[in-house]
């Protein structure tokens, strides 16, 4: 791949060098260029009336329309910036909501597992308690029989 790129770039370099037309030095530089310091040759900026012949003049109905368009465009730009900010905030809030939903889902699963474990432990202790109560009743019967 590198070899083909190298070959193509060298061919391009050779072609661009050989195809380029040289510039005639006598036409490129003029030894008789003006070096006068006088500023009287500068053009004068035309007056307002002088500009009208180069620009199509706007009538009295078009000027307010153009002004309105410019103001509307400026308001639109501001609204678009605000909209972008709101979109960014919404995106951040969606991420926060998604993370919160994931935490809630994990917490829903975790207490259920803890509850199942606690329930199993409770049942085990309840069975042991019932057995101990049964042994206690037997001992009490034996003790009461011995006392009689």
C-alpha atoms as a PDB file:
ATOM      1  CA  UNK A   1       0.000   0.000   0.000  1.00  0.00           C
ATOM      2  CA  UNK A   2       2.774   2.417   0.937  1.00  0.00           C
ATOM      3  CA  UNK A   3       4.660   1.510  -2.217  1.00  0.00           C
ATOM      4  CA  UNK A   4       1.693   2.307  -4.458  1.00  0.00           C
ATOM      5  CA  UNK A   5       1.147   5.646  -2.694  1.00  0.00           C
ATOM      6  CA  UNK A   6       4.826   6.499  -3.113  1.00  0.00           C
ATOM      7  CA  UNK A   7       4.770   5.635  -6.816  1.00  0.00           C
ATOM      8  CA  UNK A   8       1.588   7.626  -7.454  1.00  0.00           C
ATOM      9  CA  UNK A   9       2.863  10.662  -5.580  1.00  0.00           C
ATOM     10  CA  UNK A  10       6.169  10.611  -7.475  1.00  0.00           C
ATOM     11  CA  UNK A  11       4.317  10.353 -10.813  1.00  0.00           C
ATOM     12  CA  UNK A  12       2.114  13.265  -9.788  1.00  0.00           C
ATOM     13  CA  UNK A  13       5.142  15.326  -8.792  1.00  0.00           C
ATOM     14  CA  UNK A  14       6.905  14.623 -12.098  1.00  0.00           C
ATOM     15  CA  UNK A  15       3.804  15.460 -14.131  1.00  0.00           C
ATOM     16  CA  UNK A  16       3.146  18.684 -12.273  1.00  0.00           C
ATOM     17  CA  UNK A  17       6.739  19.806 -12.755  1.00  0.00           C
ATOM     18  CA  UNK A  18       6.892  18.935 -16.448  1.00  0.00           C
ATOM     19  CA  UNK A  19       3.442  20.286 -17.348  1.00  0.00           C
ATOM     20  CA  UNK A  20       3.797  23.650 -15.621  1.00  0.00           C
ATOM     21  CA  UNK A  21       4.286  26.547 -18.037  1.00  0.00           C
ATOM     22  CA  UNK A  22       7.096  28.912 -17.111  1.00  0.00           C
ATOM     23  CA  UNK A  23       6.280  32.574 -16.558  1.00  0.00           C
ATOM     24  CA  UNK A  24       7.813  35.145 -18.875  1.00  0.00           C
ATOM     25  CA  UNK A  25       9.933  37.290 -16.529  1.00  0.00           C
ATOM     26  CA  UNK A  26       9.485  40.423 -18.623  1.00  0.00           C
ATOM     27  CA  UNK A  27       5.701  40.272 -18.303  1.00  0.00           C
ATOM     28  CA  UNK A  28       5.715  39.398 -14.603  1.00  0.00           C
ATOM     29  CA  UNK A  29       7.728  42.392 -13.441  1.00  0.00           C
ATOM     30  CA  UNK A  30       7.594  45.892 -14.733  1.00  0.00           C
ATOM     31  CA  UNK A  31      10.620  48.032 -14.049  1.00  0.00           C
ATOM     32  CA  UNK A  32       8.634  51.113 -14.895  1.00  0.00           C
ATOM     33  CA  UNK A  33       6.215  50.725 -12.002  1.00  0.00           C
ATOM     34  CA  UNK A  34       4.882  53.892 -10.499  1.00  0.00           C
ATOM     35  CA  UNK A  35       6.772  54.943  -7.395  1.00  0.00           C
ATOM     36  CA  UNK A  36       5.423  58.448  -7.090  1.00  0.00           C
ATOM     37  CA  UNK A  37       4.487  59.627  -3.631  1.00  0.00           C
ATOM     38  CA  UNK A  38       1.639  61.814  -4.794  1.00  0.00           C
ATOM     39  CA  UNK A  39      -1.779  60.780  -3.566  1.00  0.00           C
ATOM     40  CA  UNK A  40      -3.827  62.659  -6.138  1.00  0.00           C
ATOM     41  CA  UNK A  41      -4.329  59.533  -8.288  1.00  0.00           C
ATOM     42  CA  UNK A  42      -6.541  57.790  -5.686  1.00  0.00           C
ATOM     43  CA  UNK A  43     -10.216  57.504  -6.619  1.00  0.00           C
ATOM     44  CA  UNK A  44     -12.741  59.501  -4.625  1.00  0.00           C
ATOM     45  CA  UNK A  45     -15.471  57.520  -2.859  1.00  0.00           C
ATOM     46  CA  UNK A  46     -18.751  58.271  -4.605  1.00  0.00           C
ATOM     47  CA  UNK A  47     -21.517  60.121  -2.830  1.00  0.00           C
ATOM     48  CA  UNK A  48     -24.853  58.573  -1.892  1.00  0.00           C
ATOM     49  CA  UNK A  49     -26.396  59.763  -5.136  1.00  0.00           C
ATOM     50  CA  UNK A  50     -23.391  58.472  -7.044  1.00  0.00           C
ATOM     51  CA  UNK A  51     -23.855  55.007  -5.542  1.00  0.00           C
ATOM     52  CA  UNK A  52     -27.438  54.795  -6.778  1.00  0.00           C
ATOM     53  CA  UNK A  53     -26.316  54.350 -10.361  1.00  0.00           C
ATOM     54  CA  UNK A  54     -24.250  51.265  -9.343  1.00  0.00           C
ATOM     55  CA  UNK A  55     -26.735  49.765  -6.899  1.00  0.00           C
ATOM     56  CA  UNK A  56     -30.399  49.329  -7.541  1.00  0.00           C
ATOM     57  CA  UNK A  57     -32.035  51.741  -5.122  1.00  0.00           C
ATOM     58  CA  UNK A  58     -34.614  50.412  -2.698  1.00  0.00           C
ATOM     59  CA  UNK A  59     -37.955  52.108  -2.538  1.00  0.00           C
ATOM     60  CA  UNK A  60     -39.729  53.073   0.690  1.00  0.00           C
ATOM     61  CA  UNK A  61     -41.557  49.743   1.003  1.00  0.00           C
ATOM     62  CA  UNK A  62     -38.477  47.568   0.547  1.00  0.00           C
ATOM     63  CA  UNK A  63     -36.295  49.197   3.214  1.00  0.00           C
ATOM     64  CA  UNK A  64     -38.623  48.303   6.145  1.00  0.00           C
ATOM     65  CA  UNK A  65     -38.982  44.785   4.772  1.00  0.00           C
ATOM     66  CA  UNK A  66     -35.218  44.322   4.620  1.00  0.00           C
ATOM     67  CA  UNK A  67     -34.888  45.739   8.135  1.00  0.00           C
ATOM     68  CA  UNK A  68     -37.594  43.362   9.358  1.00  0.00           C
ATOM     69  CA  UNK A  69     -35.872  40.414   7.719  1.00  0.00           C
ATOM     70  CA  UNK A  70     -32.568  41.342   9.360  1.00  0.00           C
ATOM     71  CA  UNK A  71     -34.198  41.667  12.805  1.00  0.00           C
ATOM     72  CA  UNK A  72     -36.070  38.405  12.338  1.00  0.00           C
ATOM     73  CA  UNK A  73     -32.845  36.674  11.333  1.00  0.00           C
ATOM     74  CA  UNK A  74     -31.094  37.995  14.454  1.00  0.00           C
ATOM     75  CA  UNK A  75     -33.960  36.758  16.663  1.00  0.00           C
ATOM     76  CA  UNK A  76     -33.916  33.416  14.867  1.00  0.00           C
ATOM     77  CA  UNK A  77     -30.179  33.034  15.513  1.00  0.00           C
ATOM     78  CA  UNK A  78     -30.726  33.760  19.227  1.00  0.00           C
ATOM     79  CA  UNK A  79     -33.590  31.276  19.363  1.00  0.00           C
ATOM     80  CA  UNK A  80     -31.491  28.605  17.664  1.00  0.00           C
ATOM     81  CA  UNK A  81     -28.726  29.113  20.234  1.00  0.00           C
ATOM     82  CA  UNK A  82     -31.269  28.812  23.051  1.00  0.00           C
ATOM     83  CA  UNK A  83     -32.766  25.736  21.411  1.00  0.00           C
ATOM     84  CA  UNK A  84     -29.336  24.122  21.241  1.00  0.00           C
ATOM     85  CA  UNK A  85     -28.848  24.851  24.939  1.00  0.00           C
ATOM     86  CA  UNK A  86     -32.239  23.344  25.760  1.00  0.00           C
ATOM     87  CA  UNK A  87     -31.426  20.274  23.675  1.00  0.00           C
ATOM     88  CA  UNK A  88     -28.173  19.832  25.575  1.00  0.00           C
ATOM     89  CA  UNK A  89     -30.005  20.141  28.904  1.00  0.00           C
ATOM     90  CA  UNK A  90     -32.634  17.626  27.779  1.00  0.00           C
ATOM     91  CA  UNK A  91     -29.905  15.218  26.718  1.00  0.00           C
ATOM     92  CA  UNK A  92     -28.199  15.509  30.101  1.00  0.00           C
ATOM     93  CA  UNK A  93     -31.513  15.071  31.927  1.00  0.00           C
ATOM     94  CA  UNK A  94     -32.349  11.998  29.850  1.00  0.00           C
ATOM     95  CA  UNK A  95     -29.011  10.473  30.817  1.00  0.00           C
ATOM     96  CA  UNK A  96     -29.692  11.234  34.489  1.00  0.00           C
ATOM     97  CA  UNK A  97     -33.183   9.704  34.238  1.00  0.00           C
ATOM     98  CA  UNK A  98     -31.803   6.599  32.534  1.00  0.00           C
ATOM     99  CA  UNK A  99     -29.117   6.172  35.213  1.00  0.00           C
ATOM    100  CA  UNK A 100     -31.724   6.677  37.950  1.00  0.00           C
ATOM    101  CA  UNK A 101     -34.038   4.102  36.368  1.00  0.00           C
ATOM    102  CA  UNK A 102     -31.156   1.628  36.230  1.00  0.00           C
ATOM    103  CA  UNK A 103     -30.391   2.255  39.908  1.00  0.00           C
ATOM    104  CA  UNK A 104     -34.059   1.782  40.824  1.00  0.00           C
ATOM    105  CA  UNK A 105     -34.189  -1.467  38.854  1.00  0.00           C
ATOM    106  CA  UNK A 106     -31.069  -2.760  40.577  1.00  0.00           C
ATOM    107  CA  UNK A 107     -32.455  -1.731  43.975  1.00  0.00           C
ATOM    108  CA  UNK A 108     -35.728  -3.503  43.196  1.00  0.00           C
ATOM    109  CA  UNK A 109     -33.795  -6.690  42.495  1.00  0.00           C
ATOM    110  CA  UNK A 110     -31.451  -6.383  45.461  1.00  0.00           C
ATOM    111  CA  UNK A 111     -34.078  -5.994  48.217  1.00  0.00           C
ATOM    112  CA  UNK A 112     -36.000  -8.880  46.698  1.00  0.00           C
ATOM    113  CA  UNK A 113     -32.934 -11.083  46.986  1.00  0.00           C
ATOM    114  CA  UNK A 114     -32.264  -9.837  50.500  1.00  0.00           C
ATOM    115  CA  UNK A 115     -35.910 -10.350  51.390  1.00  0.00           C
ATOM    116  CA  UNK A 116     -35.848 -13.898  50.048  1.00  0.00           C
ATOM    117  CA  UNK A 117     -32.696 -14.610  52.051  1.00  0.00           C
ATOM    118  CA  UNK A 118     -34.156 -13.007  55.167  1.00  0.00           C
ATOM    119  CA  UNK A 119     -37.415 -14.901  54.677  1.00  0.00           C
ATOM    120  CA  UNK A 120     -35.567 -18.204  54.399  1.00  0.00           C
ATOM    121  CA  UNK A 121     -33.561 -17.384  57.516  1.00  0.00           C
ATOM    122  CA  UNK A 122     -36.752 -16.396  59.355  1.00  0.00           C
ATOM    123  CA  UNK A 123     -38.415 -19.684  58.401  1.00  0.00           C
ATOM    124  CA  UNK A 124     -35.356 -21.613  59.587  1.00  0.00           C
ATOM    125  CA  UNK A 125     -35.362 -19.796  62.938  1.00  0.00           C
ATOM    126  CA  UNK A 126     -39.117 -20.282  63.240  1.00  0.00           C
ATOM    127  CA  UNK A 127     -38.714 -24.049  62.765  1.00  0.00           C
ATOM    128  CA  UNK A 128     -35.893 -24.145  65.328  1.00  0.00           C
ATOM    129  CA  UNK A 129     -38.035 -22.145  67.753  1.00  0.00           C
ATOM    130  CA  UNK A 130     -40.948 -24.557  67.301  1.00  0.00           C
ATOM    131  CA  UNK A 131     -38.619 -27.512  67.931  1.00  0.00           C
ATOM    132  CA  UNK A 132     -37.222 -25.846  71.044  1.00  0.00           C
ATOM    133  CA  UNK A 133     -40.741 -25.070  72.278  1.00  0.00           C
ATOM    134  CA  UNK A 134     -41.644 -28.717  71.700  1.00  0.00           C
ATOM    135  CA  UNK A 135     -38.580 -29.846  73.706  1.00  0.00           C
ATOM    136  CA  UNK A 136     -39.434 -27.325  76.431  1.00  0.00           C
ATOM    137  CA  UNK A 137     -43.000 -28.653  76.710  1.00  0.00           C
ATOM    138  CA  UNK A 138     -41.677 -32.220  76.971  1.00  0.00           C
ATOM    139  CA  UNK A 139     -39.251 -31.198  79.726  1.00  0.00           C
ATOM    140  CA  UNK A 140     -41.976 -29.317  81.560  1.00  0.00           C
ATOM    141  CA  UNK A 141     -44.219 -32.414  81.409  1.00  0.00           C
ATOM    142  CA  UNK A 142     -41.396 -34.582  82.693  1.00  0.00           C
ATOM    143  CA  UNK A 143     -40.596 -32.100  85.447  1.00  0.00           C
ATOM    144  CA  UNK A 144     -44.255 -31.785  86.495  1.00  0.00           C
ATOM    145  CA  UNK A 145     -44.649 -35.590  86.567  1.00  0.00           C
ATOM    146  CA  UNK A 146     -41.592 -35.925  88.757  1.00  0.00           C
ATOM    147  CA  UNK A 147     -42.945 -33.363  91.175  1.00  0.00           C
ATOM    148  CA  UNK A 148     -46.252 -35.159  91.574  1.00  0.00           C
END
